[in-house]
């Protein structure tokens, strides 16, 4: 049953589609979130329970969680699948309440799709050490509604369709692993330039860990970064054109920057 949403509270001049895109961007960039479940523990049943979890997104934008059966939040969702995930985009801001945060409401379902696990492990490589343990399961959160606070006075209730609009691109998802392998094997220098010149990141062994219609994910050791495309890409051909454009921009920026003497 679809959750009944409150009336839209969109800021004048900012429609729900723009707010939905901002919400999706916040989820795509996140590496952790706060998971709220309903306690199943005897004596304190039903109390809200918040826990920190690692998160990735599926190709269609749905959050992915790798959880242990031994954890309280896993026991909770076995009894009640409705959850909320808080994505916090305020890190590093002098005034945190001016930053964006998203509360996503949805239902948790176990997933055994190999692409889901592959995306999660590329986002969190260290999880490979325990991902195959019998007491760990991968879950997908099927979104039903979301509440975005994008700063003072910018508050929106959104339907799941608004948040995930344009997130899915089956042709791109099918080509993702091939694109990553090609870029990481043959274009490491271009990825380094993109990270250092376009994002202003420190020098490092930057690799591409994911691609979706809205952007691409980069990793160097424990550091994560994301660059957003100027326009959505839907397949391998469009992805190639976007990556070529980024590489050209990065090279131009590198040539234009003053060299140390």
Protein backbone atom coordinates (compact mmCIF):
# COMPACT_ATOMS: atom_id res chain seq x y z
CA UNK A 1 0.00 0.00 0.00
CA UNK A 2 1.46 3.37 -1.03
CA UNK A 3 2.05 5.79 1.82
CA UNK A 4 -0.25 8.81 1.87
CA UNK A 5 1.87 11.91 1.49
CA UNK A 6 1.36 15.26 3.18
CA UNK A 7 0.67 18.26 0.95
CA UNK A 8 3.70 19.46 -1.00
CA UNK A 9 5.66 22.21 0.69
CA UNK A 10 7.77 23.25 -2.27
CA UNK A 11 9.50 26.60 -2.10
CA UNK A 12 8.23 29.14 -4.61
CA UNK A 13 10.22 28.81 -7.81
CA UNK A 14 11.55 25.36 -6.87
CA UNK A 15 9.34 22.58 -8.13
CA UNK A 16 9.18 19.00 -6.89
CA UNK A 17 11.26 17.76 -9.82
CA UNK A 18 14.21 19.94 -8.76
CA UNK A 19 13.79 18.86 -5.14
CA UNK A 20 13.59 15.21 -6.22
CA UNK A 21 16.83 15.56 -8.17
CA UNK A 22 18.51 17.11 -5.12
CA UNK A 23 17.27 14.25 -2.94
CA UNK A 24 18.61 11.64 -5.38
CA UNK A 25 21.96 13.42 -5.58
CA UNK A 26 22.23 13.33 -1.78
CA UNK A 27 21.60 9.56 -1.74
CA UNK A 28 24.00 8.87 -4.60
CA UNK A 29 26.82 10.70 -2.81
CA UNK A 30 26.28 9.09 0.61
CA UNK A 31 28.47 6.33 2.01
CA UNK A 32 26.63 6.06 5.35
CA UNK A 33 23.19 6.81 6.74
CA UNK A 34 21.17 6.56 9.93
CA UNK A 35 18.69 3.69 9.85
CA UNK A 36 15.55 4.02 11.96
CA UNK A 37 13.65 0.83 12.79
CA UNK A 38 11.01 -0.25 15.28
CA UNK A 39 12.44 -2.25 18.17
CA UNK A 40 11.41 -5.90 18.43
CA UNK A 41 13.24 -6.47 21.75
CA UNK A 42 11.00 -7.72 24.55
CA UNK A 43 10.10 -5.09 27.09
CA UNK A 44 10.85 -2.12 24.81
CA UNK A 45 8.94 -3.20 21.70
CA UNK A 46 7.92 -0.50 19.28
CA UNK A 47 10.39 2.14 20.41
CA UNK A 48 12.22 3.97 17.59
CA UNK A 49 15.78 2.65 17.19
CA UNK A 50 18.43 4.52 15.21
CA UNK A 51 21.70 2.97 14.03
CA UNK A 52 24.57 3.90 11.75
CA UNK A 53 24.82 1.84 8.54
CA UNK A 54 26.94 1.79 5.41
CA UNK A 55 24.90 2.51 2.31
CA UNK A 56 25.20 2.30 -1.45
CA UNK A 57 22.61 2.78 -4.17
CA UNK A 58 21.35 0.33 -6.76
CA UNK A 59 21.39 1.36 -10.40
CA UNK A 60 17.77 2.55 -10.00
CA UNK A 61 18.67 4.74 -7.02
CA UNK A 62 17.28 2.46 -4.30
CA UNK A 63 19.44 2.33 -1.14
CA UNK A 64 21.35 -0.90 -0.45
CA UNK A 65 22.31 -2.11 3.05
CA UNK A 66 24.50 -5.04 4.07
CA UNK A 67 23.39 -6.07 7.57
CA UNK A 68 24.20 -8.81 10.05
CA UNK A 69 21.39 -11.02 11.34
CA UNK A 70 22.90 -10.54 14.81
CA UNK A 71 22.31 -6.78 14.83
CA UNK A 72 19.24 -5.33 16.52
CA UNK A 73 18.21 -3.45 13.40
CA UNK A 74 18.11 -6.74 11.45
CA UNK A 75 15.93 -8.35 14.11
CA UNK A 76 13.71 -5.29 13.99
CA UNK A 77 13.16 -5.36 10.23
CA UNK A 78 12.38 -9.08 10.37
CA UNK A 79 9.30 -8.06 12.35
CA UNK A 80 8.54 -4.71 10.70
CA UNK A 81 9.83 -3.91 7.22
CA UNK A 82 8.98 -0.21 7.33
CA UNK A 83 12.08 1.90 7.93
CA UNK A 84 13.46 5.39 7.53
CA UNK A 85 16.95 6.34 6.36
CA UNK A 86 18.47 9.72 7.17
CA UNK A 87 21.01 10.98 4.64
CA UNK A 88 23.07 13.87 6.06
CA UNK A 89 24.63 16.34 3.65
CA UNK A 90 25.71 18.85 6.30
CA UNK A 91 29.21 17.54 7.03
CA UNK A 92 31.82 20.28 7.16
CA UNK A 93 29.39 23.20 7.12
CA UNK A 94 29.91 25.99 9.63
CA UNK A 95 26.12 26.23 9.90
CA UNK A 96 24.86 22.62 9.58
CA UNK A 97 21.19 23.60 9.43
CA UNK A 98 21.83 25.38 6.12
CA UNK A 99 22.79 22.04 4.55
CA UNK A 100 20.64 19.37 2.96
CA UNK A 101 19.29 16.28 4.70
CA UNK A 102 16.85 13.67 3.52
CA UNK A 103 14.60 11.28 5.43
CA UNK A 104 13.61 8.43 3.12
CA UNK A 105 10.66 6.23 4.04
CA UNK A 106 10.51 2.74 2.58
CA UNK A 107 10.23 -0.99 3.05
CA UNK A 108 13.26 -3.24 3.37
CA UNK A 109 13.48 -6.37 1.25
CA UNK A 110 16.34 -8.86 1.01
CA UNK A 111 17.99 -8.91 -2.41
CA UNK A 112 20.25 -11.54 -3.94
CA UNK A 113 20.88 -9.74 -7.22
CA UNK A 114 24.57 -9.95 -8.08
CA UNK A 115 24.62 -6.41 -9.48
CA UNK A 116 23.34 -5.08 -6.17
CA UNK A 117 26.10 -6.79 -4.25
CA UNK A 118 28.70 -5.69 -6.81
CA UNK A 119 27.66 -2.05 -6.44
CA UNK A 120 27.73 -2.27 -2.65
CA UNK A 121 31.19 -3.84 -2.56
CA UNK A 122 32.62 -1.31 -5.00
CA UNK A 123 31.30 1.39 -2.68
CA UNK A 124 32.63 -0.40 0.41
CA UNK A 125 35.49 -2.77 -0.59
CA UNK A 126 36.29 -3.70 3.01
CA UNK A 127 32.83 -5.28 3.30
CA UNK A 128 34.05 -8.09 1.01
CA UNK A 129 35.75 -9.57 4.11
CA UNK A 130 32.37 -10.45 5.64
CA UNK A 131 29.81 -10.15 2.83
CA UNK A 132 29.76 -13.93 2.28
CA UNK A 133 29.28 -14.81 5.94
CA UNK A 134 26.05 -16.74 6.50
CA UNK A 135 24.73 -14.18 8.96
CA UNK A 136 25.02 -11.22 6.55
CA UNK A 137 22.30 -10.26 4.10
CA UNK A 138 22.00 -7.55 1.48
CA UNK A 139 18.82 -5.49 1.57
CA UNK A 140 17.20 -3.08 -0.85
CA UNK A 141 15.01 -0.27 0.48
CA UNK A 142 11.95 0.21 -1.74
CA UNK A 143 11.21 3.91 -1.33
CA UNK A 144 7.65 5.10 -0.72
CA UNK A 145 8.10 8.75 0.31
CA UNK A 146 10.78 11.23 1.32
CA UNK A 147 11.18 14.44 3.29
CA UNK A 148 13.90 16.78 2.04
CA UNK A 149 15.15 19.75 4.04
CA UNK A 150 17.50 21.53 1.67
CA UNK A 151 18.22 24.48 3.96
CA UNK A 152 16.19 27.13 5.78
CA UNK A 153 12.71 27.38 4.27
CA UNK A 154 13.41 24.77 1.59
CA UNK A 155 11.27 21.88 2.77
CA UNK A 156 9.61 19.30 0.54
CA UNK A 157 7.55 16.14 0.97
CA UNK A 158 8.18 14.00 -2.10
CA UNK A 159 6.71 10.85 -3.58
CA UNK A 160 9.16 8.06 -4.36
CA UNK A 161 8.60 8.63 -8.08
CA UNK A 162 9.87 12.21 -7.75
CA UNK A 163 13.04 11.15 -5.96
CA UNK A 164 13.84 8.28 -8.33
CA UNK A 165 12.75 9.97 -11.55
CA UNK A 166 15.41 9.30 -14.19
CA UNK A 167 17.51 7.17 -11.85
CA UNK A 168 17.07 3.92 -13.75
CA UNK A 169 18.84 3.31 -17.07
CA UNK A 170 18.89 -0.44 -17.83
CA UNK A 171 21.27 -0.15 -20.78
CA UNK A 172 23.81 1.78 -18.69
CA UNK A 173 23.45 -0.64 -15.76
CA UNK A 174 24.15 -3.57 -18.08
CA UNK A 175 27.32 -1.88 -19.35
CA UNK A 176 28.57 -0.57 -15.99
CA UNK A 177 31.17 -3.24 -15.21
CA UNK A 178 32.63 -3.04 -18.73
CA UNK A 179 32.83 0.76 -18.50
CA UNK A 180 34.58 0.59 -15.12
CA UNK A 181 37.06 -2.02 -16.29
CA UNK A 182 37.92 0.02 -19.39
CA UNK A 183 38.37 3.28 -17.50
CA UNK A 184 40.40 1.76 -14.67
CA UNK A 185 42.67 -0.22 -16.98
CA UNK A 186 43.15 2.20 -19.86
CA UNK A 187 42.41 5.71 -18.55
CA UNK A 188 43.87 5.98 -15.07
CA UNK A 189 45.59 9.25 -15.93
CA UNK A 190 42.31 10.79 -17.07
CA UNK A 191 40.59 9.74 -13.83
CA UNK A 192 43.42 11.25 -11.79
CA UNK A 193 43.14 14.53 -13.69
CA UNK A 194 39.36 14.59 -13.26
CA UNK A 195 39.73 14.09 -9.51
CA UNK A 196 42.55 16.58 -9.04
CA UNK A 197 41.64 19.38 -11.46
CA UNK A 198 37.84 19.29 -11.64
CA UNK A 199 37.16 18.30 -8.03
CA UNK A 200 40.25 19.80 -6.42
CA UNK A 201 41.16 16.55 -4.67
CA UNK A 202 44.57 15.47 -3.45
CA UNK A 203 46.76 13.37 -5.70
CA UNK A 204 46.03 9.68 -5.36
CA UNK A 205 45.39 6.40 -7.10
CA UNK A 206 41.87 7.37 -8.16
CA UNK A 207 39.72 4.66 -9.71
CA UNK A 208 36.16 4.68 -10.95
CA UNK A 209 33.89 2.67 -8.66
CA UNK A 210 30.48 3.32 -10.17
CA UNK A 211 28.50 5.08 -12.86
CA UNK A 212 24.82 5.94 -13.08
CA UNK A 213 22.75 8.35 -15.17
CA UNK A 214 23.49 11.27 -12.86
CA UNK A 215 27.25 10.92 -12.37
CA UNK A 216 30.25 8.77 -11.55
CA UNK A 217 31.90 7.67 -8.33
CA UNK A 218 35.64 7.76 -7.66
CA UNK A 219 37.74 6.11 -4.97
CA UNK A 220 41.34 6.40 -3.78
CA UNK A 221 41.99 4.20 -0.76
CA UNK A 222 39.42 5.24 1.85
CA UNK A 223 38.52 8.50 0.10
CA UNK A 224 35.33 8.73 -1.96
CA UNK A 225 34.30 11.42 -4.41
CA UNK A 226 31.56 12.00 -6.94
CA UNK A 227 31.28 14.11 -10.07
CA UNK A 228 27.90 14.97 -11.51
CA UNK A 229 27.25 14.95 -15.26
CA UNK A 230 25.95 18.08 -16.99
CA UNK A 231 23.13 15.96 -18.44
CA UNK A 232 21.92 12.42 -17.64
CA UNK A 233 23.49 9.53 -19.56
CA UNK A 234 21.40 6.49 -20.47
CA UNK A 235 23.72 4.02 -22.18
CA UNK A 236 27.36 3.20 -22.91
CA UNK A 237 27.55 5.59 -25.86
CA UNK A 238 26.30 8.55 -23.86
CA UNK A 239 28.56 7.58 -20.98
CA UNK A 240 31.58 7.53 -23.28
CA UNK A 241 30.74 11.01 -24.61
CA UNK A 242 30.36 12.36 -21.07
CA UNK A 243 33.65 10.80 -19.94
CA UNK A 244 35.51 12.15 -22.96
CA UNK A 245 34.13 15.63 -22.22
CA UNK A 246 35.25 15.39 -18.59
CA UNK A 247 38.72 14.24 -19.59
CA UNK A 248 39.07 17.14 -22.04
CA UNK A 249 37.93 19.62 -19.40
CA UNK A 250 40.38 18.15 -16.90
CA UNK A 251 43.29 18.38 -19.35
CA UNK A 252 42.39 21.97 -20.20
CA UNK A 253 42.21 22.86 -16.52
CA UNK A 254 45.58 21.23 -15.87
CA UNK A 255 47.21 23.20 -18.70
CA UNK A 256 45.65 26.45 -17.52
CA UNK A 257 46.75 26.06 -13.90
CA UNK A 258 50.05 27.72 -12.94
CA UNK A 259 52.91 25.27 -12.52
CA UNK A 260 54.99 25.37 -9.36
CA UNK A 261 58.45 26.86 -9.84
